[in-house]
C-alpha atoms as a PDB file:
ATOM      1  CA  MET A   1      92.925 145.737 104.833  1.00  0.00           C
ATOM      2  CA  LYS A   2      96.609 144.696 105.056  1.00  0.00           C
ATOM      3  CA  ILE A   3      95.676 142.032 107.604  1.00  0.00           C
ATOM      4  CA  ILE A   4      92.986 140.580 105.319  1.00  0.00           C
ATOM      5  CA  ILE A   5      95.407 140.521 102.364  1.00  0.00           C
ATOM      6  CA  SER A   6      98.099 138.904 104.516  1.00  0.00           C
ATOM      7  CA  ILE A   7      95.691 136.261 105.777  1.00  0.00           C
ATOM      8  CA  SER A   8      94.483 135.594 102.226  1.00  0.00           C
ATOM      9  CA  LEU A   9      98.063 135.222 100.967  1.00  0.00           C
ATOM     10  CA  PHE A  10      98.830 132.872 103.868  1.00  0.00           C
ATOM     11  CA  PHE A  11      95.915 130.572 102.984  1.00  0.00           C
ATOM     12  CA  LEU A  12      96.816 130.698  99.289  1.00  0.00           C
ATOM     13  CA  ALA A  13     100.362 129.619 100.154  1.00  0.00           C
ATOM     14  CA  ILE A  14      99.056 126.709 102.247  1.00  0.00           C
ATOM     15  CA  SER A  15      96.700 125.668  99.443  1.00  0.00           C
ATOM     16  CA  ALA A  16      99.485 125.841  96.839  1.00  0.00           C
ATOM     17  CA  SER A  17     101.757 123.807  99.104  1.00  0.00           C
ATOM     18  CA  ALA A  18      99.110 121.098  99.536  1.00  0.00           C
ATOM     19  CA  GLN A  19      98.447 120.976  95.797  1.00  0.00           C
ATOM     20  CA  GLY A  20     102.195 120.686  95.137  1.00  0.00           C
ATOM     21  CA  LYS A  21     102.544 117.349  96.921  1.00  0.00           C
ATOM     22  CA  SER A  22     103.573 114.626  94.514  1.00  0.00           C
ATOM     23  CA  GLU A  23     101.552 111.472  94.037  1.00  0.00           C
ATOM     24  CA  ALA A  24     104.388 109.445  95.584  1.00  0.00           C
ATOM     25  CA  PHE A  25     104.333 111.698  98.657  1.00  0.00           C
ATOM     26  CA  LYS A  26     100.541 111.337  98.966  1.00  0.00           C
ATOM     27  CA  PHE A  27     100.916 107.537  98.783  1.00  0.00           C
ATOM     28  CA  TRP A  28     103.687 107.668 101.398  1.00  0.00           C
ATOM     29  CA  GLU A  29     101.655 109.794 103.802  1.00  0.00           C
ATOM     30  CA  SER A  30      98.611 107.527 103.391  1.00  0.00           C
ATOM     31  CA  LEU A  31     100.680 104.446 104.191  1.00  0.00           C
ATOM     32  CA  LYS A  32     102.299 106.079 107.226  1.00  0.00           C
ATOM     33  CA  LYS A  33      98.823 106.570 108.741  1.00  0.00           C
ATOM     34  CA  HIS A  34      98.770 102.807 109.330  1.00  0.00           C
ATOM     35  CA  CYS A  35     102.036 102.644 111.258  1.00  0.00           C
ATOM     36  CA  ASN A  36     101.901 100.403 114.343  1.00  0.00           C
ATOM     37  CA  LYS A  37      98.811  98.608 113.005  1.00  0.00           C
ATOM     38  CA  SER A  38      98.394  95.063 111.702  1.00  0.00           C
ATOM     39  CA  PHE A  39      95.953  93.626 109.197  1.00  0.00           C
ATOM     40  CA  GLU A  40      95.011  90.117 108.129  1.00  0.00           C
ATOM     41  CA  GLY A  41      95.280  89.307 104.452  1.00  0.00           C
ATOM     42  CA  SER A  42      93.735  86.967 101.949  1.00  0.00           C
ATOM     43  CA  LEU A  43      95.109  85.576  98.711  1.00  0.00           C
ATOM     44  CA  LEU A  44      93.338  86.828  95.601  1.00  0.00           C
ATOM     45  CA  SER A  45      95.614  85.060  93.154  1.00  0.00           C
ATOM     46  CA  THR A  46      98.526  82.762  93.624  1.00  0.00           C
ATOM     47  CA  PRO A  47     100.692  80.548  91.450  1.00  0.00           C
ATOM     48  CA  ALA A  48     100.251  76.787  91.547  1.00  0.00           C
ATOM     49  CA  ASN A  49     102.155  74.995  94.343  1.00  0.00           C
ATOM     50  CA  ASP A  50     102.223  78.172  96.441  1.00  0.00           C
ATOM     51  CA  ASP A  51     103.038  77.544 100.114  1.00  0.00           C
ATOM     52  CA  PHE A  52     100.953  80.525 101.318  1.00  0.00           C
ATOM     53  CA  ALA A  53      97.602  78.815 100.706  1.00  0.00           C
ATOM     54  CA  GLY A  54      95.652  77.970 103.846  1.00  0.00           C
ATOM     55  CA  LYS A  55      97.931  79.967 106.162  1.00  0.00           C
ATOM     56  CA  LYS A  56      97.132  83.062 108.172  1.00  0.00           C
ATOM     57  CA  LEU A  57      98.611  86.109 106.424  1.00  0.00           C
ATOM     58  CA  VAL A  58      99.342  89.254 108.463  1.00  0.00           C
ATOM     59  CA  MET A  59     101.084  92.490 107.577  1.00  0.00           C
ATOM     60  CA  HIS A  60     102.336  94.743 110.374  1.00  0.00           C
ATOM     61  CA  VAL A  61     103.219  98.329 109.458  1.00  0.00           C
ATOM     62  CA  ARG A  62     105.776  98.151 112.217  1.00  0.00           C
ATOM     63  CA  ALA A  63     108.350 100.903 111.717  1.00  0.00           C
ATOM     64  CA  CYS A  64     107.886 104.275 110.041  1.00  0.00           C
ATOM     65  CA  ASP A  65     110.154 107.269 109.776  1.00  0.00           C
ATOM     66  CA  ASP A  66     110.453 110.084 107.255  1.00  0.00           C
ATOM     67  CA  ASN A  67     112.127 107.948 104.580  1.00  0.00           C
ATOM     68  CA  THR A  68     111.608 104.277 105.504  1.00  0.00           C
ATOM     69  CA  ILE A  69     108.573 102.109 106.224  1.00  0.00           C
ATOM     70  CA  ARG A  70     109.125  98.498 107.284  1.00  0.00           C
ATOM     71  CA  ILE A  71     106.240  96.074 106.946  1.00  0.00           C
ATOM     72  CA  PRO A  72     106.834  92.542 108.224  1.00  0.00           C
ATOM     73  CA  PHE A  73     104.666  90.045 106.334  1.00  0.00           C
ATOM     74  CA  PHE A  74     103.871  86.876 108.279  1.00  0.00           C
ATOM     75  CA  VAL A  75     102.826  83.636 106.573  1.00  0.00           C
ATOM     76  CA  GLY A  76     101.541  81.319 109.291  1.00  0.00           C
ATOM     77  CA  ASP A  77     104.417  80.877 111.773  1.00  0.00           C
ATOM     78  CA  ASN A  78     106.981  82.052 109.222  1.00  0.00           C
ATOM     79  CA  LYS A  79     108.321  85.471 110.253  1.00  0.00           C
ATOM     80  CA  SER A  80     111.077  85.692 107.641  1.00  0.00           C
ATOM     81  CA  ARG A  81     109.712  88.424 105.341  1.00  0.00           C
ATOM     82  CA  THR A  82     109.770  92.211 105.623  1.00  0.00           C
ATOM     83  CA  TRP A  83     108.816  94.641 102.882  1.00  0.00           C
ATOM     84  CA  ILE A  84     111.035  97.718 103.114  1.00  0.00           C
ATOM     85  CA  LEU A  85     109.803 100.854 101.395  1.00  0.00           C
ATOM     86  CA  THR A  86     112.150 103.808 101.028  1.00  0.00           C
ATOM     87  CA  PHE A  87     111.136 107.295  99.889  1.00  0.00           C
ATOM     88  CA  GLU A  88     113.845 109.371  98.228  1.00  0.00           C
ATOM     89  CA  ASN A  89     113.840 112.029  95.500  1.00  0.00           C
ATOM     90  CA  ASP A  90     110.100 111.665  94.929  1.00  0.00           C
ATOM     91  CA  ARG A  91     110.431 107.941  94.177  1.00  0.00           C
ATOM     92  CA  ILE A  92     109.569 104.916  96.290  1.00  0.00           C
ATOM     93  CA  GLN A  93     111.705 101.792  96.368  1.00  0.00           C
ATOM     94  CA  LEU A  94     110.506  98.338  97.462  1.00  0.00           C
ATOM     95  CA  LYS A  95     112.952  95.773  98.820  1.00  0.00           C
ATOM     96  CA  HIS A  96     112.308  92.326 100.279  1.00  0.00           C
ATOM     97  CA  ASP A  97     114.291  91.519 103.422  1.00  0.00           C
ATOM     98  CA  HIS A  98     114.370  87.768 104.109  1.00  0.00           C
ATOM     99  CA  ARG A  99     115.779  86.392 107.374  1.00  0.00           C
ATOM    100  CA  HIS A 100     116.332  83.038 109.039  1.00  0.00           C
ATOM    101  CA  GLU A 101     114.961  82.309 112.521  1.00  0.00           C
ATOM    102  CA  ASP A 102     118.339  83.237 114.040  1.00  0.00           C
ATOM    103  CA  GLY A 103     118.068  86.683 112.406  1.00  0.00           C
ATOM    104  CA  SER A 104     120.762  86.120 109.806  1.00  0.00           C
ATOM    105  CA  GLU A 105     120.070  87.191 106.223  1.00  0.00           C
ATOM    106  CA  ASP A 106     118.809  84.608 103.778  1.00  0.00           C
ATOM    107  CA  LYS A 107     120.982  84.194 100.675  1.00  0.00           C
ATOM    108  CA  VAL A 108     118.018  85.518  98.663  1.00  0.00           C
ATOM    109  CA  THR A 109     117.296  88.938 100.139  1.00  0.00           C
ATOM    110  CA  GLN A 110     117.182  92.646  99.303  1.00  0.00           C
ATOM    111  CA  TYR A 111     115.630  92.123  95.889  1.00  0.00           C
ATOM    112  CA  GLY A 112     112.981  94.477  94.509  1.00  0.00           C
ATOM    113  CA  GLY A 113     112.805  97.641  92.488  1.00  0.00           C
ATOM    114  CA  LYS A 114     112.263 101.368  92.402  1.00  0.00           C
ATOM    115  CA  ALA A 115     109.355 103.277  90.897  1.00  0.00           C
ATOM    116  CA  THR A 116     110.385 104.935  87.637  1.00  0.00           C
ATOM    117  CA  ASN A 117     108.036 107.866  88.229  1.00  0.00           C
ATOM    118  CA  SER A 118     105.999 109.291  91.109  1.00  0.00           C
ATOM    119  CA  GLY A 119     103.127 106.905  90.367  1.00  0.00           C
ATOM    120  CA  SER A 120      99.788 107.799  91.856  1.00  0.00           C
ATOM    121  CA  ALA A 121      98.442 108.286  95.346  1.00  0.00           C
ATOM    122  CA  ASN A 122      96.784 104.862  95.076  1.00  0.00           C
ATOM    123  CA  ILE A 123      99.347 102.716  93.280  1.00  0.00           C
ATOM    124  CA  GLN A 124     103.119 102.422  93.128  1.00  0.00           C
ATOM    125  CA  ILE A 125     104.852 100.150  90.605  1.00  0.00           C
ATOM    126  CA  PHE A 126     108.305  98.642  91.103  1.00  0.00           C
ATOM    127  CA  PRO A 127     110.039  96.924  88.160  1.00  0.00           C
ATOM    128  CA  ALA A 128     112.918  94.610  89.087  1.00  0.00           C
ATOM    129  CA  ASP A 129     116.202  96.459  89.533  1.00  0.00           C
ATOM    130  CA  GLN A 130     119.716  95.399  88.564  1.00  0.00           C
ATOM    131  CA  GLN A 131     120.414  93.961  92.031  1.00  0.00           C
ATOM    132  CA  THR A 132     117.400  91.671  91.562  1.00  0.00           C
ATOM    133  CA  THR A 133     118.544  90.646  88.080  1.00  0.00           C
ATOM    134  CA  ASP A 134     122.027  89.827  89.391  1.00  0.00           C
ATOM    135  CA  LEU A 135     120.661  87.873  92.375  1.00  0.00           C
ATOM    136  CA  LEU A 136     117.725  86.155  90.651  1.00  0.00           C
ATOM    137  CA  PRO A 137     118.093  86.191  86.852  1.00  0.00           C
ATOM    138  CA  HIS A 138     114.700  84.472  86.436  1.00  0.00           C
ATOM    139  CA  ALA A 139     113.097  87.422  88.313  1.00  0.00           C
ATOM    140  CA  SER A 140     114.528  90.094  86.018  1.00  0.00           C
ATOM    141  CA  THR A 141     111.065  90.583  84.499  1.00  0.00           C
ATOM    142  CA  ASN A 142     109.292  90.855  87.862  1.00  0.00           C
ATOM    143  CA  VAL A 143     107.051  93.826  88.433  1.00  0.00           C
ATOM    144  CA  TRP A 144     105.679  94.438  91.910  1.00  0.00           C
ATOM    145  CA  TRP A 145     102.968  96.930  92.719  1.00  0.00           C
ATOM    146  CA  ILE A 146     101.175  98.068  95.819  1.00  0.00           C
ATOM    147  CA  THR A 147      97.684  99.519  95.781  1.00  0.00           C
ATOM    148  CA  LEU A 148      96.439 101.631  98.650  1.00  0.00           C
ATOM    149  CA  ASP A 149      93.261 103.490  99.480  1.00  0.00           C
ATOM    150  CA  ASP A 150      91.328 104.290 102.650  1.00  0.00           C
ATOM    151  CA  ARG A 151      89.966 100.758 102.879  1.00  0.00           C
ATOM    152  CA  SER A 152      92.548  98.394 101.400  1.00  0.00           C
ATOM    153  CA  PHE A 153      96.175  97.558 100.669  1.00  0.00           C
ATOM    154  CA  SER A 154      97.296  94.985  98.144  1.00  0.00           C
ATOM    155  CA  TYR A 155     100.738  93.591  97.401  1.00  0.00           C
ATOM    156  CA  ASN A 156     101.117  92.200  93.902  1.00  0.00           C
ATOM    157  CA  LEU A 157     103.728  90.442  91.797  1.00  0.00           C
ATOM    158  CA  ARG A 158     103.617  89.689  88.080  1.00  0.00           C
ATOM    159  CA  ARG A 159     106.451  87.950  86.268  1.00  0.00           C
ATOM    160  CA  MET A 160     106.183  89.343  82.756  1.00  0.00           C
ATOM    161  CA  GLY A 161     106.139  86.719  80.019  1.00  0.00           C
ATOM    162  CA  SER A 162     104.726  84.064  82.355  1.00  0.00           C
ATOM    163  CA  ASP A 163     101.487  83.186  84.065  1.00  0.00           C
ATOM    164  CA  ARG A 164     103.001  84.013  87.485  1.00  0.00           C
ATOM    165  CA  LEU A 165     100.695  86.375  89.351  1.00  0.00           C
ATOM    166  CA  PHE A 166     100.556  86.785  93.122  1.00  0.00           C
ATOM    167  CA  THR A 167      98.157  89.107  94.954  1.00  0.00           C
ATOM    168  CA  VAL A 168      97.456  89.393  98.652  1.00  0.00           C
ATOM    169  CA  PHE A 169      94.731  91.782  99.813  1.00  0.00           C
ATOM    170  CA  PHE A 170      94.430  93.436 103.240  1.00  0.00           C
ATOM    171  CA  ASP A 171      91.287  95.094 104.620  1.00  0.00           C
ATOM    172  CA  LEU A 172      92.532  98.274 106.321  1.00  0.00           C
ATOM    173  CA  THR A 173      89.212  98.803 108.107  1.00  0.00           C
ATOM    174  CA  LYS A 174      89.863  95.812 110.407  1.00  0.00           C
ATOM    175  CA  THR A 175      92.984  95.765 112.535  1.00  0.00           C
ATOM    176  CA  VAL A 176      94.251  92.614 114.215  1.00  0.00           C
ATOM    177  CA  GLU A 177      96.522  92.154 117.219  1.00  0.00           C
ATOM    178  CA  ASN A 178     100.114  93.099 116.453  1.00  0.00           C
ATOM    179  CA  PRO A 179     102.296  89.996 116.131  1.00  0.00           C
ATOM    180  CA  SER A 180     105.608  89.521 117.896  1.00  0.00           C
ATOM    181  CA  ALA A 181     108.786  90.735 116.224  1.00  0.00           C
ATOM    182  CA  PRO A 182     109.790  89.188 112.919  1.00  0.00           C
ATOM    183  CA  TRP A 183     112.971  87.193 112.641  1.00  0.00           C
ATOM    184  CA  GLY A 184     116.014  89.431 112.887  1.00  0.00           C
ATOM    185  CA  TRP A 185     114.235  92.164 114.874  1.00  0.00           C
ATOM    186  CA  LYS A 186     114.627  92.829 118.576  1.00  0.00           C
END
């Protein structure tokens, strides 16, 4: 009888632990499942005069650890962009790392924002932070969000108070060959 009670308590503890995972943690764990995989994207919406149109778009979930996920985003032959997601204190932060071909930082880099709450397992929202406002005053009203489910990932940008909307969609059911390292990586 004691063994049955002990086993029952053990499974209850596991169940309670699983139910206690935050939405941000669930999102994080879902994204980490795609580490070392690449996916081709397509533009769903883009501002006028956008230089992404007609180019091959690839995201590579290239580096994952407990608190950081780095996702290089390739636009044609341009390997300058990496989305850096950081998980800390049940919040996820998004930063944009921009590099030149020689690996040096672009003057416009490390902008982004941090989720103000744990979000949901399928969407995380990142309003522009103070660093972004200081670096790019016109982007102070930017809001980025990432959607994620078993089949898709989307990266989105809306500049509040304007018609600026950018969305790129990735089908997570179809991997593509991993690209070479982005600029600034070895």
